[in-house]
Amino acid sequence: MNRKRILLFEDNLLWSSRLKKGAQSLGFEAVVFTMLPHDIPLAEAAIVNLSSKAFDLPKLIDRLKLANTIVVGHAGHKEKALSEHGRDLGCDLVVSNSALTFKLADVFHQVNLLDSPS
């Protein structure tokens, strides 16, 4: 059985470890990037830290969208401008950091990566 691949664009090691474990626990293959790679592998979805200074966000999100990758951006719940910026750049969904920590399955359901619970 092939697992769905999730790309994690995260330069915070604590967050990347937490997100990777969370995605793996839901049955996904999770690949972490701490900087923009020359070639982005194909994946069903990507989670992008909108607070990161390590990525050229417009370029990254544009490349992901061109590859038909679902893009989930995240920022702190008080970082309203960053959340809006993520939506403007084309993120399919923008969530708070706490949503990724405590409700990752719900986030994946919202973008149809997981079947809805019965």
PDB file of N, CA and C in Angstrom:
ATOM      1  N   MET A   1       0.842  -1.191   0.000  1.00  0.00           N
ATOM      2  CA  MET A   1       0.000   0.000   0.000  1.00  0.00           C
ATOM      3  C   MET A   1       0.883   1.248   0.000  1.00  0.00           C
ATOM      4  N   ASN A   2       0.657   2.138  -0.936  1.00  0.00           N
ATOM      5  CA  ASN A   2       1.425   3.372  -1.000  1.00  0.00           C
ATOM      6  C   ASN A   2       0.854   4.395  -0.029  1.00  0.00           C
ATOM      7  N   ARG A   3       1.748   4.996   0.741  1.00  0.00           N
ATOM      8  CA  ARG A   3       1.309   6.039   1.655  1.00  0.00           C
ATOM      9  C   ARG A   3       1.341   7.379   0.940  1.00  0.00           C
ATOM     10  N   LYS A   4       0.419   8.245   1.331  1.00  0.00           N
ATOM     11  CA  LYS A   4       0.417   9.604   0.790  1.00  0.00           C
ATOM     12  C   LYS A   4       1.603  10.356   1.368  1.00  0.00           C
ATOM     13  N   ARG A   5       2.207  11.196   0.542  1.00  0.00           N
ATOM     14  CA  ARG A   5       3.375  11.966   0.960  1.00  0.00           C
ATOM     15  C   ARG A   5       2.953  13.381   1.327  1.00  0.00           C
ATOM     16  N   ILE A   6       3.478  13.830   2.468  1.00  0.00           N
ATOM     17  CA  ILE A   6       3.282  15.192   2.952  1.00  0.00           C
ATOM     18  C   ILE A   6       4.658  15.845   3.019  1.00  0.00           C
ATOM     19  N   LEU A   7       4.789  17.022   2.429  1.00  0.00           N
ATOM     20  CA  LEU A   7       6.031  17.779   2.508  1.00  0.00           C
ATOM     21  C   LEU A   7       5.885  18.811   3.616  1.00  0.00           C
ATOM     22  N   LEU A   8       6.872  18.887   4.469  1.00  0.00           N
ATOM     23  CA  LEU A   8       6.844  19.826   5.594  1.00  0.00           C
ATOM     24  C   LEU A   8       7.946  20.862   5.384  1.00  0.00           C
ATOM     25  N   PHE A   9       7.547  22.095   5.122  1.00  0.00           N
ATOM     26  CA  PHE A   9       8.499  23.184   4.938  1.00  0.00           C
ATOM     27  C   PHE A   9       8.564  23.938   6.255  1.00  0.00           C
ATOM     28  N   GLU A  10       9.552  23.546   7.044  1.00  0.00           N
ATOM     29  CA  GLU A  10       9.616  23.998   8.432  1.00  0.00           C
ATOM     30  C   GLU A  10      11.070  24.099   8.874  1.00  0.00           C
ATOM     31  N   ASP A  11      11.504  25.287   9.265  1.00  0.00           N
ATOM     32  CA  ASP A  11      12.884  25.451   9.721  1.00  0.00           C
ATOM     33  C   ASP A  11      13.011  25.411  11.240  1.00  0.00           C
ATOM     34  N   ASN A  12      11.910  25.246  11.944  1.00  0.00           N
ATOM     35  CA  ASN A  12      11.936  25.096  13.398  1.00  0.00           C
ATOM     36  C   ASN A  12      12.000  23.592  13.699  1.00  0.00           C
ATOM     37  N   LEU A  13      13.107  23.143  14.277  1.00  0.00           N
ATOM     38  CA  LEU A  13      13.306  21.708  14.487  1.00  0.00           C
ATOM     39  C   LEU A  13      12.272  21.091  15.416  1.00  0.00           C
ATOM     40  N   LEU A  14      11.827  21.823  16.411  1.00  0.00           N
ATOM     41  CA  LEU A  14      10.793  21.302  17.308  1.00  0.00           C
ATOM     42  C   LEU A  14       9.500  21.077  16.538  1.00  0.00           C
ATOM     43  N   TRP A  15       9.097  22.072  15.747  1.00  0.00           N
ATOM     44  CA  TRP A  15       7.867  21.946  14.965  1.00  0.00           C
ATOM     45  C   TRP A  15       7.983  20.851  13.923  1.00  0.00           C
ATOM     46  N   SER A  16       9.130  20.790  13.225  1.00  0.00           N
ATOM     47  CA  SER A  16       9.266  19.794  12.163  1.00  0.00           C
ATOM     48  C   SER A  16       9.188  18.389  12.732  1.00  0.00           C
ATOM     49  N   SER A  17       9.796  18.162  13.871  1.00  0.00           N
ATOM     50  CA  SER A  17       9.733  16.844  14.505  1.00  0.00           C
ATOM     51  C   SER A  17       8.308  16.503  14.924  1.00  0.00           C
ATOM     52  N   ARG A  18       7.628  17.456  15.519  1.00  0.00           N
ATOM     53  CA  ARG A  18       6.248  17.260  15.968  1.00  0.00           C
ATOM     54  C   ARG A  18       5.316  16.984  14.786  1.00  0.00           C
ATOM     55  N   LEU A  19       5.444  17.780  13.725  1.00  0.00           N
ATOM     56  CA  LEU A  19       4.588  17.597  12.551  1.00  0.00           C
ATOM     57  C   LEU A  19       4.875  16.273  11.845  1.00  0.00           C
ATOM     58  N   LYS A  20       6.145  15.931  11.754  1.00  0.00           N
ATOM     59  CA  LYS A  20       6.512  14.677  11.097  1.00  0.00           C
ATOM     60  C   LYS A  20       5.910  13.490  11.842  1.00  0.00           C
ATOM     61  N   LYS A  21       6.052  13.476  13.158  1.00  0.00           N
ATOM     62  CA  LYS A  21       5.484  12.380  13.957  1.00  0.00           C
ATOM     63  C   LYS A  21       3.967  12.338  13.839  1.00  0.00           C
ATOM     64  N   GLY A  22       3.343  13.500  13.862  1.00  0.00           N
ATOM     65  CA  GLY A  22       1.887  13.556  13.746  1.00  0.00           C
ATOM     66  C   GLY A  22       1.403  13.026  12.404  1.00  0.00           C
ATOM     67  N   ALA A  23       2.053  13.439  11.324  1.00  0.00           N
ATOM     68  CA  ALA A  23       1.668  12.972   9.989  1.00  0.00           C
ATOM     69  C   ALA A  23       1.908  11.472   9.853  1.00  0.00           C
ATOM     70  N   GLN A  24       3.029  10.994  10.374  1.00  0.00           N
ATOM     71  CA  GLN A  24       3.323   9.565  10.306  1.00  0.00           C
ATOM     72  C   GLN A  24       2.311   8.749  11.099  1.00  0.00           C
ATOM     73  N   SER A  25       1.873   9.283  12.228  1.00  0.00           N
ATOM     74  CA  SER A  25       0.894   8.551  13.041  1.00  0.00           C
ATOM     75  C   SER A  25      -0.453   8.426  12.326  1.00  0.00           C
ATOM     76  N   LEU A  26      -0.696   9.305  11.362  1.00  0.00           N
ATOM     77  CA  LEU A  26      -1.926   9.250  10.566  1.00  0.00           C
ATOM     78  C   LEU A  26      -1.736   8.448   9.279  1.00  0.00           C
ATOM     79  N   GLY A  27      -0.551   7.847   9.117  1.00  0.00           N
ATOM     80  CA  GLY A  27      -0.299   6.979   7.974  1.00  0.00           C
ATOM     81  C   GLY A  27       0.357   7.634   6.773  1.00  0.00           C
ATOM     82  N   PHE A  28       0.883   8.829   6.934  1.00  0.00           N
ATOM     83  CA  PHE A  28       1.506   9.549   5.824  1.00  0.00           C
ATOM     84  C   PHE A  28       3.026   9.401   5.865  1.00  0.00           C
ATOM     85  N   GLU A  29       3.631   9.469   4.696  1.00  0.00           N
ATOM     86  CA  GLU A  29       5.073   9.619   4.605  1.00  0.00           C
ATOM     87  C   GLU A  29       5.330  11.119   4.726  1.00  0.00           C
ATOM     88  N   ALA A  30       6.168  11.523   5.658  1.00  0.00           N
ATOM     89  CA  ALA A  30       6.432  12.944   5.879  1.00  0.00           C
ATOM     90  C   ALA A  30       7.890  13.255   5.578  1.00  0.00           C
ATOM     91  N   VAL A  31       8.113  14.262   4.725  1.00  0.00           N
ATOM     92  CA  VAL A  31       9.451  14.666   4.338  1.00  0.00           C
ATOM     93  C   VAL A  31       9.642  16.120   4.752  1.00  0.00           C
ATOM     94  N   VAL A  32      10.697  16.371   5.550  1.00  0.00           N
ATOM     95  CA  VAL A  32      10.945  17.713   6.082  1.00  0.00           C
ATOM     96  C   VAL A  32      11.987  18.442   5.236  1.00  0.00           C
ATOM     97  N   PHE A  33      11.702  19.713   4.958  1.00  0.00           N
ATOM     98  CA  PHE A  33      12.650  20.598   4.283  1.00  0.00           C
ATOM     99  C   PHE A  33      12.873  21.810   5.170  1.00  0.00           C
ATOM    100  N   THR A  34      14.150  22.117   5.436  1.00  0.00           N
ATOM    101  CA  THR A  34      14.483  23.292   6.238  1.00  0.00           C
ATOM    102  C   THR A  34      14.899  24.465   5.359  1.00  0.00           C
ATOM    103  N   MET A  35      15.026  24.201   4.058  1.00  0.00           N
ATOM    104  CA  MET A  35      15.282  25.245   3.077  1.00  0.00           C
ATOM    105  C   MET A  35      14.673  24.794   1.762  1.00  0.00           C
ATOM    106  N   LEU A  36      14.497  25.726   0.849  1.00  0.00           N
ATOM    107  CA  LEU A  36      13.846  25.425  -0.427  1.00  0.00           C
ATOM    108  C   LEU A  36      14.758  24.544  -1.280  1.00  0.00           C
ATOM    109  N   PRO A  37      14.291  23.341  -1.613  1.00  0.00           N
ATOM    110  CA  PRO A  37      15.114  22.461  -2.449  1.00  0.00           C
ATOM    111  C   PRO A  37      15.039  22.890  -3.913  1.00  0.00           C
ATOM    112  N   HIS A  38      16.041  22.486  -4.659  1.00  0.00           N
ATOM    113  CA  HIS A  38      16.043  22.782  -6.100  1.00  0.00           C
ATOM    114  C   HIS A  38      14.859  22.099  -6.765  1.00  0.00           C
ATOM    115  N   ASP A  39      14.679  20.830  -6.449  1.00  0.00           N
ATOM    116  CA  ASP A  39      13.551  20.062  -6.984  1.00  0.00           C
ATOM    117  C   ASP A  39      12.635  19.666  -5.840  1.00  0.00           C
ATOM    118  N   ILE A  40      11.378  20.005  -5.962  1.00  0.00           N
ATOM    119  CA  ILE A  40      10.391  19.637  -4.951  1.00  0.00           C
ATOM    120  C   ILE A  40       9.747  18.334  -5.400  1.00  0.00           C
ATOM    121  N   PRO A  41       9.802  17.299  -4.531  1.00  0.00           N
ATOM    122  CA  PRO A  41       9.190  16.022  -4.924  1.00  0.00           C
ATOM    123  C   PRO A  41       7.670  16.135  -5.006  1.00  0.00           C
ATOM    124  N   LEU A  42       7.091  15.251  -5.790  1.00  0.00           N
ATOM    125  CA  LEU A  42       5.639  15.210  -5.884  1.00  0.00           C
ATOM    126  C   LEU A  42       5.062  14.753  -4.555  1.00  0.00           C
ATOM    127  N   ALA A  43       3.949  15.336  -4.191  1.00  0.00           N
ATOM    128  CA  ALA A  43       3.279  14.981  -2.938  1.00  0.00           C
ATOM    129  C   ALA A  43       1.827  15.395  -3.026  1.00  0.00           C
ATOM    130  N   GLU A  44       1.001  14.760  -2.209  1.00  0.00           N
ATOM    131  CA  GLU A  44      -0.410  15.129  -2.144  1.00  0.00           C
ATOM    132  C   GLU A  44      -0.596  16.487  -1.473  1.00  0.00           C
ATOM    133  N   ALA A  45       0.257  16.765  -0.488  1.00  0.00           N
ATOM    134  CA  ALA A  45       0.082  18.009   0.267  1.00  0.00           C
ATOM    135  C   ALA A  45       1.405  18.501   0.839  1.00  0.00           C
ATOM    136  N   ALA A  46       1.390  19.770   1.224  1.00  0.00           N
ATOM    137  CA  ALA A  46       2.539  20.388   1.883  1.00  0.00           C
ATOM    138  C   ALA A  46       2.022  21.253   3.020  1.00  0.00           C
ATOM    139  N   ILE A  47       2.781  21.264   4.098  1.00  0.00           N
ATOM    140  CA  ILE A  47       2.505  22.158   5.221  1.00  0.00           C
ATOM    141  C   ILE A  47       3.646  23.168   5.254  1.00  0.00           C
ATOM    142  N   VAL A  48       3.277  24.445   5.228  1.00  0.00           N
ATOM    143  CA  VAL A  48       4.259  25.527   5.112  1.00  0.00           C
ATOM    144  C   VAL A  48       4.155  26.445   6.323  1.00  0.00           C
ATOM    145  N   ASN A  49       5.287  26.683   6.967  1.00  0.00           N
ATOM    146  CA  ASN A  49       5.349  27.626   8.078  1.00  0.00           C
ATOM    147  C   ASN A  49       5.386  29.036   7.492  1.00  0.00           C
ATOM    148  N   LEU A  50       4.309  29.772   7.656  1.00  0.00           N
ATOM    149  CA  LEU A  50       4.220  31.120   7.094  1.00  0.00           C
ATOM    150  C   LEU A  50       5.092  32.123   7.846  1.00  0.00           C
ATOM    151  N   SER A  51       5.596  31.743   9.021  1.00  0.00           N
ATOM    152  CA  SER A  51       6.471  32.616   9.803  1.00  0.00           C
ATOM    153  C   SER A  51       7.941  32.456   9.440  1.00  0.00           C
ATOM    154  N   SER A  52       8.256  31.444   8.659  1.00  0.00           N
ATOM    155  CA  SER A  52       9.646  31.121   8.355  1.00  0.00           C
ATOM    156  C   SER A  52      10.288  32.176   7.469  1.00  0.00           C
ATOM    157  N   LYS A  53      11.526  32.475   7.779  1.00  0.00           N
ATOM    158  CA  LYS A  53      12.330  33.374   6.943  1.00  0.00           C
ATOM    159  C   LYS A  53      13.226  32.561   6.006  1.00  0.00           C
ATOM    160  N   ALA A  54      13.198  31.227   6.119  1.00  0.00           N
ATOM    161  CA  ALA A  54      14.071  30.359   5.331  1.00  0.00           C
ATOM    162  C   ALA A  54      13.548  30.121   3.925  1.00  0.00           C
ATOM    163  N   PHE A  55      12.286  30.456   3.670  1.00  0.00           N
ATOM    164  CA  PHE A  55      11.677  30.154   2.377  1.00  0.00           C
ATOM    165  C   PHE A  55      11.194  31.425   1.697  1.00  0.00           C
ATOM    166  N   ASP A  56      11.320  31.440   0.394  1.00  0.00           N
ATOM    167  CA  ASP A  56      10.692  32.475  -0.414  1.00  0.00           C
ATOM    168  C   ASP A  56       9.251  31.998  -0.603  1.00  0.00           C
ATOM    169  N   LEU A  57       8.355  32.437   0.278  1.00  0.00           N
ATOM    170  CA  LEU A  57       6.993  31.900   0.302  1.00  0.00           C
ATOM    171  C   LEU A  57       6.250  32.036  -1.022  1.00  0.00           C
ATOM    172  N   PRO A  58       6.279  33.191  -1.694  1.00  0.00           N
ATOM    173  CA  PRO A  58       5.558  33.261  -2.978  1.00  0.00           C
ATOM    174  C   PRO A  58       6.068  32.221  -3.981  1.00  0.00           C
ATOM    175  N   LYS A  59       7.379  32.071  -4.065  1.00  0.00           N
ATOM    176  CA  LYS A  59       7.968  31.107  -5.000  1.00  0.00           C
ATOM    177  C   LYS A  59       7.619  29.678  -4.595  1.00  0.00           C
ATOM    178  N   LEU A  60       7.756  29.370  -3.306  1.00  0.00           N
ATOM    179  CA  LEU A  60       7.462  28.025  -2.814  1.00  0.00           C
ATOM    180  C   LEU A  60       6.007  27.643  -3.062  1.00  0.00           C
ATOM    181  N   ILE A  61       5.101  28.497  -2.658  1.00  0.00           N
ATOM    182  CA  ILE A  61       3.670  28.171  -2.790  1.00  0.00           C
ATOM    183  C   ILE A  61       3.287  28.088  -4.260  1.00  0.00           C
ATOM    184  N   ASP A  62       3.834  28.962  -5.071  1.00  0.00           N
ATOM    185  CA  ASP A  62       3.553  28.901  -6.508  1.00  0.00           C
ATOM    186  C   ASP A  62       4.024  27.571  -7.101  1.00  0.00           C
ATOM    187  N   ARG A  63       5.225  27.142  -6.741  1.00  0.00           N
ATOM    188  CA  ARG A  63       5.749  25.855  -7.245  1.00  0.00           C
ATOM    189  C   ARG A  63       4.888  24.694  -6.779  1.00  0.00           C
ATOM    190  N   LEU A  64       4.459  24.732  -5.530  1.00  0.00           N
ATOM    191  CA  LEU A  64       3.610  23.655  -5.017  1.00  0.00           C
ATOM    192  C   LEU A  64       2.266  23.619  -5.741  1.00  0.00           C
ATOM    193  N   LYS A  65       1.672  24.783  -5.948  1.00  0.00           N
ATOM    194  CA  LYS A  65       0.370  24.838  -6.616  1.00  0.00           C
ATOM    195  C   LYS A  65       0.480  24.386  -8.072  1.00  0.00           C
ATOM    196  N   LEU A  66       1.579  24.730  -8.742  1.00  0.00           N
ATOM    197  CA  LEU A  66       1.786  24.294 -10.119  1.00  0.00           C
ATOM    198  C   LEU A  66       1.881  22.765 -10.207  1.00  0.00           C
ATOM    199  N   ALA A  67       2.318  22.126  -9.130  1.00  0.00           N
ATOM    200  CA  ALA A  67       2.425  20.665  -9.079  1.00  0.00           C
ATOM    201  C   ALA A  67       1.133  20.027  -8.543  1.00  0.00           C
ATOM    202  N   ASN A  68       0.075  20.829  -8.418  1.00  0.00           N
ATOM    203  CA  ASN A  68      -1.222  20.343  -7.895  1.00  0.00           C
ATOM    204  C   ASN A  68      -1.117  19.767  -6.493  1.00  0.00           C
ATOM    205  N   THR A  69      -0.279  20.382  -5.683  1.00  0.00           N
ATOM    206  CA  THR A  69      -0.106  19.978  -4.289  1.00  0.00           C
ATOM    207  C   THR A  69      -1.024  20.828  -3.417  1.00  0.00           C
ATOM    208  N   ILE A  70      -1.748  20.187  -2.524  1.00  0.00           N
ATOM    209  CA  ILE A  70      -2.566  20.916  -1.547  1.00  0.00           C
ATOM    210  C   ILE A  70      -1.613  21.626  -0.587  1.00  0.00           C
ATOM    211  N   VAL A  71      -1.832  22.913  -0.354  1.00  0.00           N
ATOM    212  CA  VAL A  71      -0.938  23.688   0.511  1.00  0.00           C
ATOM    213  C   VAL A  71      -1.695  24.148   1.758  1.00  0.00           C
ATOM    214  N   VAL A  72      -1.171  23.735   2.907  1.00  0.00           N
ATOM    215  CA  VAL A  72      -1.693  24.162   4.204  1.00  0.00           C
ATOM    216  C   VAL A  72      -0.642  25.064   4.831  1.00  0.00           C
ATOM    217  N   GLY A  73      -0.997  26.316   5.039  1.00  0.00           N
ATOM    218  CA  GLY A  73      -0.095  27.245   5.705  1.00  0.00           C
ATOM    219  C   GLY A  73      -0.444  27.321   7.183  1.00  0.00           C
ATOM    220  N   HIS A  74       0.563  27.623   8.013  1.00  0.00           N
ATOM    221  CA  HIS A  74       0.275  27.794   9.441  1.00  0.00           C
ATOM    222  C   HIS A  74       1.057  28.955  10.021  1.00  0.00           C
ATOM    223  N   ALA A  75       0.441  29.565  11.015  1.00  0.00           N
ATOM    224  CA  ALA A  75       1.032  30.699  11.726  1.00  0.00           C
ATOM    225  C   ALA A  75       0.421  30.748  13.120  1.00  0.00           C
ATOM    226  N   GLY A  76       0.987  31.565  13.979  1.00  0.00           N
ATOM    227  CA  GLY A  76       0.435  31.743  15.312  1.00  0.00           C
ATOM    228  C   GLY A  76      -0.961  32.335  15.246  1.00  0.00           C
ATOM    229  N   HIS A  77      -1.785  32.017  16.238  1.00  0.00           N
ATOM    230  CA  HIS A  77      -3.178  32.476  16.193  1.00  0.00           C
ATOM    231  C   HIS A  77      -3.303  33.997  16.238  1.00  0.00           C
ATOM    232  N   LYS A  78      -2.289  34.698  16.719  1.00  0.00           N
ATOM    233  CA  LYS A  78      -2.336  36.157  16.754  1.00  0.00           C
ATOM    234  C   LYS A  78      -1.708  36.792  15.512  1.00  0.00           C
ATOM    235  N   GLU A  79      -1.141  35.972  14.644  1.00  0.00           N
ATOM    236  CA  GLU A  79      -0.470  36.477  13.451  1.00  0.00           C
ATOM    237  C   GLU A  79      -1.450  36.570  12.279  1.00  0.00           C
ATOM    238  N   LYS A  80      -2.447  37.425  12.439  1.00  0.00           N
ATOM    239  CA  LYS A  80      -3.521  37.560  11.452  1.00  0.00           C
ATOM    240  C   LYS A  80      -3.000  37.991  10.084  1.00  0.00           C
ATOM    241  N   ALA A  81      -2.032  38.910  10.063  1.00  0.00           N
ATOM    242  CA  ALA A  81      -1.498  39.382   8.792  1.00  0.00           C
ATOM    243  C   ALA A  81      -0.794  38.253   8.042  1.00  0.00           C
ATOM    244  N   LEU A  82      -0.058  37.416   8.769  1.00  0.00           N
ATOM    245  CA  LEU A  82       0.600  36.275   8.128  1.00  0.00           C
ATOM    246  C   LEU A  82      -0.421  35.285   7.584  1.00  0.00           C
ATOM    247  N   SER A  83      -1.466  35.049   8.345  1.00  0.00           N
ATOM    248  CA  SER A  83      -2.515  34.133   7.887  1.00  0.00           C
ATOM    249  C   SER A  83      -3.167  34.660   6.612  1.00  0.00           C
ATOM    250  N   GLU A  84      -3.461  35.936   6.584  1.00  0.00           N
ATOM    251  CA  GLU A  84      -4.060  36.546   5.392  1.00  0.00           C
ATOM    252  C   GLU A  84      -3.088  36.486   4.213  1.00  0.00           C
ATOM    253  N   HIS A  85      -1.818  36.724   4.486  1.00  0.00           N
ATOM    254  CA  HIS A  85      -0.796  36.653   3.440  1.00  0.00           C
ATOM    255  C   HIS A  85      -0.753  35.244   2.838  1.00  0.00           C
ATOM    256  N   GLY A  86      -0.840  34.227   3.689  1.00  0.00           N
ATOM    257  CA  GLY A  86      -0.865  32.848   3.202  1.00  0.00           C
ATOM    258  C   GLY A  86      -2.043  32.578   2.293  1.00  0.00           C
ATOM    259  N   ARG A  87      -3.202  33.093   2.665  1.00  0.00           N
ATOM    260  CA  ARG A  87      -4.389  32.941   1.805  1.00  0.00           C
ATOM    261  C   ARG A  87      -4.185  33.669   0.473  1.00  0.00           C
ATOM    262  N   ASP A  88      -3.625  34.879   0.544  1.00  0.00           N
ATOM    263  CA  ASP A  88      -3.377  35.651  -0.675  1.00  0.00           C
ATOM    264  C   ASP A  88      -2.386  34.949  -1.600  1.00  0.00           C
ATOM    265  N   LEU A  89      -1.435  34.224  -1.025  1.00  0.00           N
ATOM    266  CA  LEU A  89      -0.435  33.520  -1.826  1.00  0.00           C
ATOM    267  C   LEU A  89      -0.986  32.242  -2.455  1.00  0.00           C
ATOM    268  N   GLY A  90      -2.160  31.797  -1.993  1.00  0.00           N
ATOM    269  CA  GLY A  90      -2.768  30.622  -2.610  1.00  0.00           C
ATOM    270  C   GLY A  90      -2.858  29.389  -1.749  1.00  0.00           C
ATOM    271  N   CYS A  91      -2.580  29.513  -0.451  1.00  0.00           N
ATOM    272  CA  CYS A  91      -2.746  28.347   0.418  1.00  0.00           C
ATOM    273  C   CYS A  91      -4.195  27.874   0.349  1.00  0.00           C
ATOM    274  N   ASP A  92      -4.380  26.571   0.278  1.00  0.00           N
ATOM    275  CA  ASP A  92      -5.725  26.005   0.252  1.00  0.00           C
ATOM    276  C   ASP A  92      -6.403  26.140   1.607  1.00  0.00           C
ATOM    277  N   LEU A  93      -5.592  26.153   2.654  1.00  0.00           N
ATOM    278  CA  LEU A  93      -6.097  26.278   4.014  1.00  0.00           C
ATOM    279  C   LEU A  93      -5.002  26.912   4.846  1.00  0.00           C
ATOM    280  N   VAL A  94      -5.366  27.828   5.733  1.00  0.00           N
ATOM    281  CA  VAL A  94      -4.429  28.410   6.686  1.00  0.00           C
ATOM    282  C   VAL A  94      -4.978  28.131   8.075  1.00  0.00           C
ATOM    283  N   VAL A  95      -4.126  27.547   8.924  1.00  0.00           N
ATOM    284  CA  VAL A  95      -4.538  27.167  10.268  1.00  0.00           C
ATOM    285  C   VAL A  95      -3.553  27.710  11.296  1.00  0.00           C
ATOM    286  N   SER A  96      -3.980  27.675  12.536  1.00  0.00           N
ATOM    287  CA  SER A  96      -3.098  28.105  13.622  1.00  0.00           C
ATOM    288  C   SER A  96      -2.114  26.983  13.953  1.00  0.00           C
ATOM    289  N   ASN A  97      -1.027  27.361  14.587  1.00  0.00           N
ATOM    290  CA  ASN A  97      -0.050  26.368  15.032  1.00  0.00           C
ATOM    291  C   ASN A  97      -0.711  25.335  15.947  1.00  0.00           C
ATOM    292  N   SER A  98      -1.592  25.786  16.812  1.00  0.00           N
ATOM    293  CA  SER A  98      -2.235  24.856  17.748  1.00  0.00           C
ATOM    294  C   SER A  98      -3.129  23.854  17.024  1.00  0.00           C
ATOM    295  N   ALA A  99      -3.738  24.254  15.908  1.00  0.00           N
ATOM    296  CA  ALA A  99      -4.549  23.301  15.137  1.00  0.00           C
ATOM    297  C   ALA A  99      -3.680  22.170  14.621  1.00  0.00           C
ATOM    298  N   LEU A 100      -2.465  22.483  14.191  1.00  0.00           N
ATOM    299  CA  LEU A 100      -1.566  21.428  13.723  1.00  0.00           C
ATOM    300  C   LEU A 100      -1.119  20.535  14.871  1.00  0.00           C
ATOM    301  N   THR A 101      -0.955  21.122  16.038  1.00  0.00           N
ATOM    302  CA  THR A 101      -0.507  20.342  17.187  1.00  0.00           C
ATOM    303  C   THR A 101      -1.595  19.428  17.715  1.00  0.00           C
ATOM    304  N   PHE A 102      -2.798  19.944  17.862  1.00  0.00           N
ATOM    305  CA  PHE A 102      -3.842  19.199  18.556  1.00  0.00           C
ATOM    306  C   PHE A 102      -4.931  18.632  17.646  1.00  0.00           C
ATOM    307  N   LYS A 103      -5.007  19.104  16.395  1.00  0.00           N
ATOM    308  CA  LYS A 103      -6.103  18.686  15.517  1.00  0.00           C
ATOM    309  C   LYS A 103      -5.616  18.394  14.103  1.00  0.00           C
ATOM    310  N   LEU A 104      -4.464  17.749  13.990  1.00  0.00           N
ATOM    311  CA  LEU A 104      -3.888  17.490  12.672  1.00  0.00           C
ATOM    312  C   LEU A 104      -4.822  16.646  11.812  1.00  0.00           C
ATOM    313  N   ALA A 105      -5.457  15.653  12.394  1.00  0.00           N
ATOM    314  CA  ALA A 105      -6.397  14.819  11.625  1.00  0.00           C
ATOM    315  C   ALA A 105      -7.541  15.681  11.082  1.00  0.00           C
ATOM    316  N   ASP A 106      -8.048  16.604  11.885  1.00  0.00           N
ATOM    317  CA  ASP A 106      -9.122  17.492  11.425  1.00  0.00           C
ATOM    318  C   ASP A 106      -8.645  18.365  10.259  1.00  0.00           C
ATOM    319  N   VAL A 107      -7.411  18.850  10.349  1.00  0.00           N
ATOM    320  CA  VAL A 107      -6.852  19.664   9.270  1.00  0.00           C
ATOM    321  C   VAL A 107      -6.784  18.831   7.993  1.00  0.00           C
ATOM    322  N   PHE A 108      -6.315  17.599   8.104  1.00  0.00           N
ATOM    323  CA  PHE A 108      -6.227  16.724   6.931  1.00  0.00           C
ATOM    324  C   PHE A 108      -7.613  16.394   6.378  1.00  0.00           C
ATOM    325  N   HIS A 109      -8.595  16.258   7.239  1.00  0.00           N
ATOM    326  CA  HIS A 109      -9.971  16.033   6.776  1.00  0.00           C
ATOM    327  C   HIS A 109     -10.467  17.240   5.973  1.00  0.00           C
ATOM    328  N   GLN A 110     -10.151  18.441   6.443  1.00  0.00           N
ATOM    329  CA  GLN A 110     -10.628  19.663   5.776  1.00  0.00           C
ATOM    330  C   GLN A 110     -10.135  19.785   4.345  1.00  0.00           C
ATOM    331  N   VAL A 111      -8.955  19.240   4.069  1.00  0.00           N
ATOM    332  CA  VAL A 111      -8.409  19.323   2.703  1.00  0.00           C
ATOM    333  C   VAL A 111      -8.494  17.967   1.987  1.00  0.00           C
ATOM    334  N   ASN A 112      -9.347  17.106   2.520  1.00  0.00           N
ATOM    335  CA  ASN A 112      -9.661  15.808   1.895  1.00  0.00           C
ATOM    336  C   ASN A 112      -8.460  14.868   1.752  1.00  0.00           C
ATOM    337  N   LEU A 113      -7.533  14.941   2.705  1.00  0.00           N
ATOM    338  CA  LEU A 113      -6.432  13.990   2.724  1.00  0.00           C
ATOM    339  C   LEU A 113      -6.797  12.726   3.485  1.00  0.00           C
ATOM    340  N   LEU A 114      -7.753  12.852   4.376  1.00  0.00           N
ATOM    341  CA  LEU A 114      -8.268  11.732   5.141  1.00  0.00           C
ATOM    342  C   LEU A 114      -9.761  11.650   4.915  1.00  0.00           C
ATOM    343  N   ASP A 115     -10.286  10.441   4.925  1.00  0.00           N
ATOM    344  CA  ASP A 115     -11.728  10.279   4.837  1.00  0.00           C
ATOM    345  C   ASP A 115     -12.376  10.839   6.091  1.00  0.00           C
ATOM    346  N   SER A 116     -13.532  11.424   5.936  1.00  0.00           N
ATOM    347  CA  SER A 116     -14.240  11.976   7.077  1.00  0.00           C
ATOM    348  C   SER A 116     -14.646  10.854   8.020  1.00  0.00           C
ATOM    349  N   PRO A 117     -14.567  11.120   9.323  1.00  0.00           N
ATOM    350  CA  PRO A 117     -14.973  10.091  10.273  1.00  0.00           C
ATOM    351  C   PRO A 117     -16.450   9.787  10.124  1.00  0.00           C
ATOM    352  N   SER A 118     -16.803   8.549  10.320  1.00  0.00           N
ATOM    353  CA  SER A 118     -18.215   8.126  10.159  1.00  0.00           C
ATOM    354  C   SER A 118     -19.034   8.513  11.352  1.00  0.00           C
TER     355      SER A 118
END
